[in-house]
């Protein structure tokens, strides 16, 4: 189980598609475009932050269960990133201490390994795409989701900057599995074929080193 990680606009979905094709494995994608709660969250974050993260948590666990059955898979979002996002919203006053405690307890219980399980719920390899804040803003503007745009909500600028900074610390502290970091500013694997081949080769080498 390979899992992609990275902030908004990092290229997780694109790299998931590439790896799925390259490795000939099923891919699992975060359901964003059809998520009815996400636009509501952007309209009223304090009201919908907890509901949104519980929904994401539930969807992510469904994907993990399906990935177990496939044996090999690529997922475009780590379940542990959801916790990062929720704690950011909590620090911004968009959720209560009780909601945070419930969320953290639920995540811990859901990820607890059972002795009879043949497969770990943790990934075999986490692939983090690291991009700068400027690149993040460019990608958000380019993909054009209305509820993500700073022009519509200037407060999103600080939210995105804080989010990008937290991802850097999150990756440094991540210890649930082996990991590899891709420089998303240096390697434009979406638009540049040479960069794409380089990134795929880096991941292939990491998989080989881990013998997974």
Foldseek 3Di string as FASTA:
>chain_A
DEEEAEDALLCLVVLQVVVCVVVVAAEAEQPDVPDPLVLVCLVPVLVRLLVVLVVSLVVLLVVLVVCVVRVDYYYSHDNVVSLVLSVLCVVVVSYDPVSNVVVVVVNCVSQDDDPPDPDHSFDQEYEYEQEDLVSNLVSQVVVPDPSQHCVVPVVVSVVSNVSNVSVVVCVVPDDRHHYDYHHSVVQVLPPDVVSVVVVVVVVVVVCVVSVD
